[in-house]
Protein backbone atom coordinates (compact mmCIF):
# COMPACT_ATOMS: atom_id res chain seq x y z
CA UNK A 1 0.27 -0.10 0.21
CA UNK A 2 1.67 3.82 -0.84
CA UNK A 3 1.87 6.28 1.69
CA UNK A 4 -1.07 8.27 0.15
CA UNK A 5 -3.70 5.22 -0.07
CA UNK A 6 -2.35 4.82 3.53
CA UNK A 7 -3.27 8.36 4.33
CA UNK A 8 -6.39 8.37 3.19
CA UNK A 9 -7.98 5.30 4.56
CA UNK A 10 -6.19 6.16 8.18
CA UNK A 11 -7.79 9.81 7.60
CA UNK A 12 -11.30 8.24 6.74
CA UNK A 13 -11.51 6.23 9.81
CA UNK A 14 -9.50 7.86 12.43
CA UNK A 15 -10.06 11.63 13.85
CA UNK A 16 -6.75 11.80 13.97
CA UNK A 17 -5.47 13.22 10.83
CA UNK A 18 -2.40 12.72 9.38
CA UNK A 19 -0.07 14.33 6.56
CA UNK A 20 2.68 13.37 4.13
CA UNK A 21 4.73 15.61 6.36
CA UNK A 22 4.53 13.46 9.80
CA UNK A 23 5.32 9.91 8.15
CA UNK A 24 8.43 11.49 6.58
CA UNK A 25 9.81 12.92 9.60
CA UNK A 26 7.33 11.58 12.35
CA UNK A 27 7.71 13.26 15.93
CA UNK A 28 7.06 11.76 19.50
CA UNK A 29 3.88 13.60 19.72
CA UNK A 30 2.48 12.33 16.31
CA UNK A 31 3.14 8.98 17.06
CA UNK A 32 1.63 9.37 21.08
CA UNK A 33 -1.28 10.99 19.26
CA UNK A 34 -1.54 8.07 16.40
CA UNK A 35 -1.51 5.56 19.59
CA UNK A 36 -3.91 6.58 21.55
CA UNK A 37 -6.21 7.49 19.50
CA UNK A 38 -5.48 3.87 17.82
CA UNK A 39 -6.22 2.94 21.65
CA UNK A 40 -9.36 5.13 21.38
CA UNK A 41 -11.15 3.61 18.78
CA UNK A 42 -10.11 -0.30 20.24
CA UNK A 43 -11.51 0.36 22.98
CA UNK A 44 -9.10 0.86 25.67
CA UNK A 45 -7.87 2.42 28.95
CA UNK A 46 -5.81 5.33 28.37
CA UNK A 47 -6.35 7.88 30.69
CA UNK A 48 -3.76 7.65 32.71
CA UNK A 49 -2.10 8.53 29.07
CA UNK A 50 -3.64 11.58 27.77
CA UNK A 51 -2.37 14.07 30.84
CA UNK A 52 1.22 12.16 31.16
CA UNK A 53 3.41 15.01 29.09
CA UNK A 54 2.31 17.69 32.27
CA UNK A 55 3.74 14.72 35.03
CA UNK A 56 6.85 15.18 36.41
CA UNK A 57 9.88 13.26 34.20
CA UNK A 58 10.49 10.29 36.25
CA UNK A 59 6.35 9.67 36.21
CA UNK A 60 6.60 10.71 32.48
CA UNK A 61 9.72 8.27 31.86
CA UNK A 62 7.68 5.03 33.52
CA UNK A 63 3.93 5.87 31.25
CA UNK A 64 6.72 5.81 28.02
CA UNK A 65 7.98 2.52 28.88
CA UNK A 66 4.80 1.43 29.91
CA UNK A 67 3.11 2.48 26.29
CA UNK A 68 6.26 1.30 24.60
CA UNK A 69 5.48 -1.86 26.06
CA UNK A 70 1.69 -2.16 25.11
CA UNK A 71 2.70 -0.55 21.90
CA UNK A 72 5.44 -2.65 21.35
CA UNK A 73 2.95 -6.50 22.05
CA UNK A 74 0.02 -4.53 19.74
CA UNK A 75 2.89 -4.43 17.40
CA UNK A 76 4.20 -8.02 17.89
CA UNK A 77 0.91 -9.47 18.42
CA UNK A 78 -1.10 -7.90 14.65
CA UNK A 79 2.50 -8.23 12.32
CA UNK A 80 2.74 -12.02 13.37
CA UNK A 81 6.49 -11.76 13.85
CA UNK A 82 8.72 -11.21 17.02
CA UNK A 83 11.69 -9.61 15.17
CA UNK A 84 9.55 -6.74 14.91
CA UNK A 85 10.24 -4.46 17.76
CA UNK A 86 8.42 -1.23 19.04
CA UNK A 87 11.67 0.18 21.11
CA UNK A 88 11.98 3.59 23.76
CA UNK A 89 14.23 4.58 21.20
CA UNK A 90 11.65 4.27 18.66
CA UNK A 91 8.66 6.44 20.95
CA UNK A 92 11.36 9.46 21.94
CA UNK A 93 12.95 9.56 18.47
CA UNK A 94 10.97 8.93 15.86
CA UNK A 95 13.18 10.22 13.45
CA UNK A 96 16.63 11.66 14.20
CA UNK A 97 17.40 15.52 13.68
CA UNK A 98 20.29 15.51 11.53
CA UNK A 99 20.56 19.41 11.69
CA UNK A 100 24.19 19.74 14.19
CA UNK A 101 26.14 16.95 12.02
CA UNK A 102 28.97 18.35 10.22
CA UNK A 103 30.72 15.02 8.12
CA UNK A 104 29.13 13.83 5.44
CA UNK A 105 29.69 10.33 6.99
CA UNK A 106 27.99 10.79 9.27
CA UNK A 107 24.82 12.53 7.76
CA UNK A 108 25.02 9.93 5.72
CA UNK A 109 24.49 7.27 8.83
CA UNK A 110 21.61 9.21 10.58
CA UNK A 111 19.61 10.01 7.18
CA UNK A 112 19.73 5.90 7.33
CA UNK A 113 18.99 5.77 10.58
CA UNK A 114 16.02 8.28 10.26
CA UNK A 115 14.46 6.49 6.79
CA UNK A 116 14.82 3.29 9.15
CA UNK A 117 12.91 5.16 11.91
CA UNK A 118 10.14 6.29 9.18
CA UNK A 119 9.87 3.39 7.53
CA UNK A 120 9.27 1.66 11.74
CA UNK A 121 6.06 4.24 12.35
CA UNK A 122 4.66 3.56 9.02
CA UNK A 123 4.78 0.50 9.06
CA UNK A 124 3.36 0.41 12.59
CA UNK A 125 1.18 2.47 11.49
CA UNK A 126 0.00 0.47 8.72
CA UNK A 127 0.10 -2.79 10.70
CA UNK A 128 -2.82 -0.85 13.26
CA UNK A 129 -5.16 0.26 10.80
CA UNK A 130 -4.84 -2.94 9.70
CA UNK A 131 -5.65 -4.64 12.58
CA UNK A 132 -8.39 -1.77 13.12
CA UNK A 133 -9.70 -2.27 9.62
CA UNK A 134 -10.23 -6.56 10.45
CA UNK A 135 -11.87 -5.47 14.27
CA UNK A 136 -14.20 -3.39 12.63
CA UNK A 137 -14.98 -6.06 9.89
CA UNK A 138 -15.14 -8.31 12.02
CA UNK A 139 -16.60 -7.02 15.32
CA UNK A 140 -20.09 -7.46 15.19
CA UNK A 141 -19.36 -11.47 14.77
CA UNK A 142 -17.42 -11.61 17.27
CA UNK A 143 -19.61 -9.00 19.82
CA UNK A 144 -22.40 -11.53 18.63
CA UNK A 145 -20.35 -14.46 19.45
CA UNK A 146 -18.60 -13.04 22.76
CA UNK A 147 -22.24 -12.34 23.36
CA UNK A 148 -23.37 -15.67 22.56
CA UNK A 149 -20.43 -17.40 24.89
CA UNK A 150 -21.45 -14.78 27.24
CA UNK A 151 -25.05 -16.02 27.65
CA UNK A 152 -24.00 -19.52 27.30
CA UNK A 153 -21.75 -18.66 29.71
CA UNK A 154 -24.46 -17.29 32.35
CA UNK A 155 -26.85 -19.92 31.27
CA UNK A 156 -24.08 -22.70 32.32
CA UNK A 157 -23.22 -21.07 35.34
CA UNK A 158 -27.04 -20.68 36.62
CA UNK A 159 -27.14 -24.44 35.00
CA UNK A 160 -23.94 -25.49 37.58
CA UNK A 161 -25.24 -23.43 40.59
CA UNK A 162 -28.78 -25.42 39.97
CA UNK A 163 -26.74 -28.81 39.34
CA UNK A 164 -24.51 -27.77 42.76
CA UNK A 165 -28.28 -27.08 44.46
CA UNK A 166 -28.94 -30.64 43.28
CA UNK A 167 -26.38 -32.19 44.07
CA UNK A 168 -26.48 -31.04 47.54
CA UNK A 169 -29.85 -31.91 47.66
CA UNK A 170 -29.63 -34.97 46.55
CA UNK A 171 -26.22 -35.51 48.80
CA UNK A 172 -28.92 -34.75 51.57
CA UNK A 173 -31.13 -37.38 50.34
CA UNK A 174 -28.62 -39.71 50.04
CA UNK A 175 -27.73 -39.37 53.53
CA UNK A 176 -30.91 -39.79 54.89
CA UNK A 177 -32.00 -43.15 52.96
CA UNK A 178 -28.66 -44.35 53.63
CA UNK A 179 -30.30 -43.59 57.35
CA UNK A 180 -33.03 -45.19 56.37
CA UNK A 181 -31.60 -47.96 54.52
CA UNK A 182 -29.27 -48.72 57.65
CA UNK A 183 -32.58 -48.72 59.94
CA UNK A 184 -33.42 -50.84 57.40
CA UNK A 185 -30.85 -52.77 57.75
CA UNK A 186 -31.01 -53.28 61.84
CA UNK A 187 -35.13 -54.06 61.19
CA UNK A 188 -34.12 -56.34 58.37
CA UNK A 189 -34.10 -59.64 60.31
CA UNK A 190 -37.25 -58.68 62.24
CA UNK A 191 -38.89 -58.49 58.80
CA UNK A 192 -37.41 -61.45 57.75
CA UNK A 193 -38.47 -63.00 60.77
CA UNK A 194 -42.25 -61.84 59.92
CA UNK A 195 -42.24 -63.41 56.61
CA UNK A 196 -41.32 -66.66 57.52
CA UNK A 197 -43.74 -66.19 60.63
CA UNK A 198 -46.32 -64.96 58.06
CA UNK A 199 -45.57 -67.77 55.46
CA UNK A 200 -45.60 -70.74 58.06
CA UNK A 201 -49.03 -68.83 58.47
CA UNK A 202 -50.12 -69.02 55.40
CA UNK A 203 -49.66 -72.24 54.78
CA UNK A 204 -51.58 -73.48 57.76
CA UNK A 205 -54.42 -71.20 56.08
CA UNK A 206 -53.39 -72.78 52.34
CA UNK A 207 -54.10 -76.47 54.29
CA UNK A 208 -57.29 -74.88 56.41
CA UNK A 209 -58.41 -73.67 53.23
CA UNK A 210 -58.30 -77.02 51.79
CA UNK A 211 -59.83 -78.91 54.33
CA UNK A 212 -62.57 -75.71 54.47
CA UNK A 213 -62.52 -76.89 50.99
CA UNK A 214 -63.34 -80.42 51.32
CA UNK A 215 -65.24 -79.59 53.98
CA UNK A 216 -67.17 -77.14 52.15
CA UNK A 217 -67.93 -79.65 49.32
CA UNK A 218 -69.60 -82.20 51.34
CA UNK A 219 -71.45 -79.45 52.72
CA UNK A 220 -72.10 -78.35 49.09
CA UNK A 221 -73.49 -81.63 48.52
CA UNK A 222 -75.52 -81.90 51.51
CA UNK A 223 -77.33 -78.29 50.57
CA UNK A 224 -78.19 -80.13 47.23
CA UNK A 225 -79.53 -83.07 48.63
CA UNK A 226 -81.33 -80.90 51.55
CA UNK A 227 -82.92 -78.53 48.35
CA UNK A 228 -84.04 -81.54 46.86
CA UNK A 229 -85.72 -82.42 49.84
CA UNK A 230 -86.83 -78.96 50.27
CA UNK A 231 -88.20 -79.28 47.11
CA UNK A 232 -89.98 -82.76 47.78
CA UNK A 233 -91.69 -81.15 50.86
CA UNK A 234 -92.22 -78.24 48.90
CA UNK A 235 -94.60 -80.23 46.84
CA UNK A 236 -96.14 -81.62 49.49
CA UNK A 237 -96.87 -77.99 50.59
CA UNK A 238 -100.54 -76.50 50.04
CA UNK A 239 -101.08 -73.70 48.87
CA UNK A 240 -102.09 -70.53 50.33
CA UNK A 241 -105.39 -70.64 48.53
CA UNK A 242 -106.10 -74.23 50.02
CA UNK A 243 -104.75 -73.43 53.32
CA UNK A 244 -107.31 -70.77 53.93
CA UNK A 245 -109.77 -72.12 52.38
CA UNK A 246 -108.65 -75.19 55.16
CA UNK A 247 -107.74 -72.39 57.58
CA UNK A 248 -111.63 -71.24 57.13
CA UNK A 249 -113.54 -75.17 56.74
CA UNK A 250 -111.42 -75.14 60.59
CA UNK A 251 -112.83 -71.86 61.51
CA UNK A 252 -116.58 -72.65 59.95
CA UNK A 253 -116.37 -76.11 61.47
CA UNK A 254 -114.64 -75.04 65.32
CA UNK A 255 -118.21 -72.41 65.16
CA UNK A 256 -120.06 -76.14 64.68
CA UNK A 257 -118.18 -78.26 66.78
CA UNK A 258 -119.01 -75.49 69.42
CA UNK A 259 -122.62 -75.02 68.65
CA UNK A 260 -122.88 -78.67 69.06
CA UNK A 261 -121.28 -79.00 71.87
CA UNK A 262 -123.41 -76.40 73.44
CA UNK A 263 -126.41 -78.40 71.94
CA UNK A 264 -124.62 -81.52 73.50
CA UNK A 265 -124.74 -79.74 77.11
CA UNK A 266 -128.76 -78.62 76.45
CA UNK A 267 -129.32 -82.57 75.29
CA UNK A 268 -127.04 -83.96 78.45
CA UNK A 269 -128.88 -81.28 80.70
CA UNK A 270 -132.70 -82.38 79.47
CA UNK A 271 -131.10 -85.77 79.36
CA UNK A 272 -130.08 -85.62 82.53
CA UNK A 273 -133.66 -84.47 83.33
CA UNK A 274 -135.39 -87.18 81.92
CA UNK A 275 -133.28 -90.10 83.26
CA UNK A 276 -134.02 -88.31 86.75
CA UNK A 277 -138.01 -88.72 85.37
CA UNK A 278 -137.18 -91.95 84.27
CA UNK A 279 -135.50 -92.90 87.24
CA UNK A 280 -138.72 -91.24 89.37
CA UNK A 281 -141.07 -93.63 86.70
CA UNK A 282 -139.70 -96.41 87.00
CA UNK A 283 -140.75 -97.37 90.11
CA UNK A 284 -143.66 -96.14 89.32
CA UNK A 285 -143.68 -98.52 86.62
CA UNK A 286 -142.68 -102.01 87.66
CA UNK A 287 -145.88 -101.04 90.45
CA UNK A 288 -147.59 -100.64 87.59
CA UNK A 289 -146.60 -103.41 85.86
CA UNK A 290 -147.46 -105.85 89.45
CA UNK A 291 -150.95 -103.90 89.15
CA UNK A 292 -151.72 -104.98 85.97
CA UNK A 293 -150.65 -108.48 86.40
CA UNK A 294 -153.63 -107.91 89.00
CA UNK A 295 -156.09 -106.16 87.11
CA UNK A 296 -156.91 -102.62 86.87
CA UNK A 297 -159.56 -100.08 85.12
CA UNK A 298 -158.72 -98.13 81.86
CA UNK A 299 -157.16 -95.28 83.98
CA UNK A 300 -154.40 -97.65 84.81
CA UNK A 301 -154.65 -98.82 80.95
CA UNK A 302 -154.27 -94.57 79.91
CA UNK A 303 -150.81 -94.66 82.63
CA UNK A 304 -149.71 -97.19 80.71
CA UNK A 305 -149.15 -95.78 77.59
CA UNK A 306 -148.31 -92.83 78.39
CA UNK A 307 -145.19 -94.16 80.06
CA UNK A 308 -144.92 -96.09 76.97
CA UNK A 309 -145.06 -93.14 74.85
CA UNK A 310 -142.73 -91.46 77.72
CA UNK A 311 -140.26 -94.64 76.83
CA UNK A 312 -139.96 -94.33 73.19
CA UNK A 313 -139.47 -90.82 73.81
CA UNK A 314 -136.38 -91.44 75.81
CA UNK A 315 -135.15 -93.99 73.46
CA UNK A 316 -135.59 -91.43 70.54
CA UNK A 317 -133.94 -88.33 72.69
CA UNK A 318 -131.12 -90.75 73.45
CA UNK A 319 -130.42 -92.10 69.72
CA UNK A 320 -129.95 -88.39 69.26
CA UNK A 321 -127.93 -87.68 71.97
CA UNK A 322 -125.61 -90.48 70.81
CA UNK A 323 -125.53 -89.67 67.24
CA UNK A 324 -125.03 -86.32 68.03
CA UNK A 325 -121.85 -86.83 70.51
CA UNK A 326 -120.89 -89.45 67.25
CA UNK A 327 -120.96 -86.65 64.66
CA UNK A 328 -119.24 -84.14 67.57
CA UNK A 329 -116.43 -86.55 68.35
CA UNK A 330 -115.68 -87.04 64.30
CA UNK A 331 -115.48 -83.94 64.13
CA UNK A 332 -113.23 -83.41 66.61
CA UNK A 333 -111.02 -85.68 66.01
CA UNK A 334 -110.83 -84.26 61.65
CA UNK A 335 -110.17 -81.00 63.06
CA UNK A 336 -107.00 -83.16 65.93
CA UNK A 337 -105.90 -84.65 63.00
CA UNK A 338 -105.83 -81.23 60.43
CA UNK A 339 -104.19 -79.14 63.31
CA UNK A 340 -101.82 -82.21 63.93
CA UNK A 341 -100.81 -82.12 60.42
CA UNK A 342 -100.62 -77.97 59.39
CA UNK A 343 -98.50 -77.98 63.04
CA UNK A 344 -96.59 -80.78 62.09
CA UNK A 345 -96.04 -79.56 58.66
CA UNK A 346 -95.20 -76.08 59.42
CA UNK A 347 -92.91 -76.99 62.53
CA UNK A 348 -91.29 -79.59 60.24
CA UNK A 349 -90.45 -76.69 57.32
CA UNK A 350 -89.40 -73.84 59.88
CA UNK A 351 -86.91 -76.72 61.48
CA UNK A 352 -85.99 -77.27 57.98
CA UNK A 353 -85.72 -73.23 56.66
CA UNK A 354 -83.71 -72.87 60.74
CA UNK A 355 -81.44 -75.40 59.93
CA UNK A 356 -80.61 -74.38 56.36
CA UNK A 357 -80.48 -70.59 56.99
CA UNK A 358 -77.93 -71.62 59.88
CA UNK A 359 -75.64 -73.87 58.07
CA UNK A 360 -75.76 -71.12 55.84
CA UNK A 361 -74.47 -68.55 58.33
CA UNK A 362 -72.41 -70.84 59.24
CA UNK A 363 -70.83 -71.24 56.61
CA UNK A 364 -71.11 -67.80 55.05
CA UNK A 365 -69.28 -66.46 58.31
CA UNK A 366 -66.26 -69.13 58.14
CA UNK A 367 -66.24 -68.29 54.45
CA UNK A 368 -65.57 -64.53 54.92
CA UNK A 369 -63.71 -64.80 57.94
CA UNK A 370 -60.80 -67.24 56.46
CA UNK A 371 -61.43 -64.92 53.04
CA UNK A 372 -60.56 -62.25 55.08
CA UNK A 373 -57.64 -63.75 57.09
CA UNK A 374 -56.22 -64.90 53.99
CA UNK A 375 -56.94 -61.58 52.27
CA UNK A 376 -54.97 -60.11 55.61
CA UNK A 377 -51.87 -62.28 55.14
CA UNK A 378 -51.61 -61.37 51.51
CA UNK A 379 -52.22 -57.47 51.67
CA UNK A 380 -49.51 -57.34 54.67
CA UNK A 381 -47.20 -59.74 52.39
CA UNK A 382 -47.56 -57.91 48.62
CA UNK A 383 -47.07 -55.16 51.63
CA UNK A 384 -43.85 -56.58 52.67
CA UNK A 385 -42.56 -57.68 49.02
CA UNK A 386 -43.31 -53.84 47.85
CA UNK A 387 -41.34 -52.71 50.39
CA UNK A 388 -38.45 -54.71 50.21
CA UNK A 389 -39.40 -53.37 46.03
CA UNK A 390 -39.27 -49.46 46.96
CA UNK A 391 -36.48 -50.35 49.49
CA UNK A 392 -34.48 -51.66 46.27
CA UNK A 393 -34.94 -49.93 44.42
CA UNK A 394 -34.38 -46.45 46.34
CA UNK A 395 -30.75 -48.32 46.86
CA UNK A 396 -29.77 -48.24 43.38
CA UNK A 397 -31.50 -44.88 42.53
CA UNK A 398 -28.86 -43.59 45.23
CA UNK A 399 -26.12 -45.63 43.71
CA UNK A 400 -26.49 -44.51 40.73
CA UNK A 401 -26.84 -41.15 41.70
CA UNK A 402 -23.50 -40.69 43.71
CA UNK A 403 -21.89 -42.59 40.62
CA UNK A 404 -23.10 -39.94 38.85
CA UNK A 405 -22.62 -37.55 40.98
CA UNK A 406 -19.12 -39.00 42.01
CA UNK A 407 -18.22 -38.62 37.87
CA UNK A 408 -19.98 -35.70 37.67
CA UNK A 409 -17.09 -34.16 40.72
CA UNK A 410 -14.15 -35.48 38.80
């Protein structure tokens, strides 16, 4: 790149303007202002260098050395060569003053030095300008990447903090689980003994269940037989309509029996009266018969006719009483037979119903009790098995989490 093109590029991008004469004979102030302006465009902190020429000589020298070191670092970094160096003298005397020299040899020598020094300043400024071009060109990309990196860093940092918190929580949880595991290990023998006891009880209950099943089968057979007998007896049972009609007949017969009983009582009373009358008449009758044998008149014959009539009437009444007594006894016997039959049937049915209900309740209660005990034991066994599975799973999870945590820490 020619110096003219370099000056145009420099003046287009950097506020500190330069001229061709500044490049031919650079001064310390020129180099200082150019570098300072470059640092400002690069957003470097140059507050300590802005007023350094107003400081004391000792402070000025220290700041010059520091500024030269920074310029040299950037110069070597941008030129990608350790052979190019920016020295203290390059800042203090960028071009040699040759006005006081007399000999021609010394004049030529210092002209060469001046030329070399001017070339270095030009090279430095060109390198810095190219670096500035490069930074401006890639600044957006670099800033975007830097922002992304910063965001990713913040996210990773937050994630790391969260993982650290999770790790601490997992450690606390692992400690709790370990304590719980220790407690379970202490209770494990008891649980094993309980499980063995429950298993023994389970075997016994299974044996009892098998026995009960056999008994249930026998009871089922008995129930079937009883059902058959019940169905046979049900066929012999009287229907409700028939039973009501029999009851009505029984009631009517009972009323008739009561009427006949009263009639019988009246007849017995009349019979007793007649008997007493007959007993009173019999001596008279005997006396009259004797008198007839001796012989009597017509009045005796009338008395004999009356006695005959009375005897025939007494016989009729006795026959009626006997017939009514026989009828009453027959009806009473029939009613008693019907009452007995009904009572026997009702009692038999009630006994069978109670026996069946008792057997059903007994079997149901036994089944329910055995089923409840079996369910309780099965549930207890399942609970203990689930507890063991859960504890094993938790132990496995804790082991995995601890391994992952150790891997993450390492």
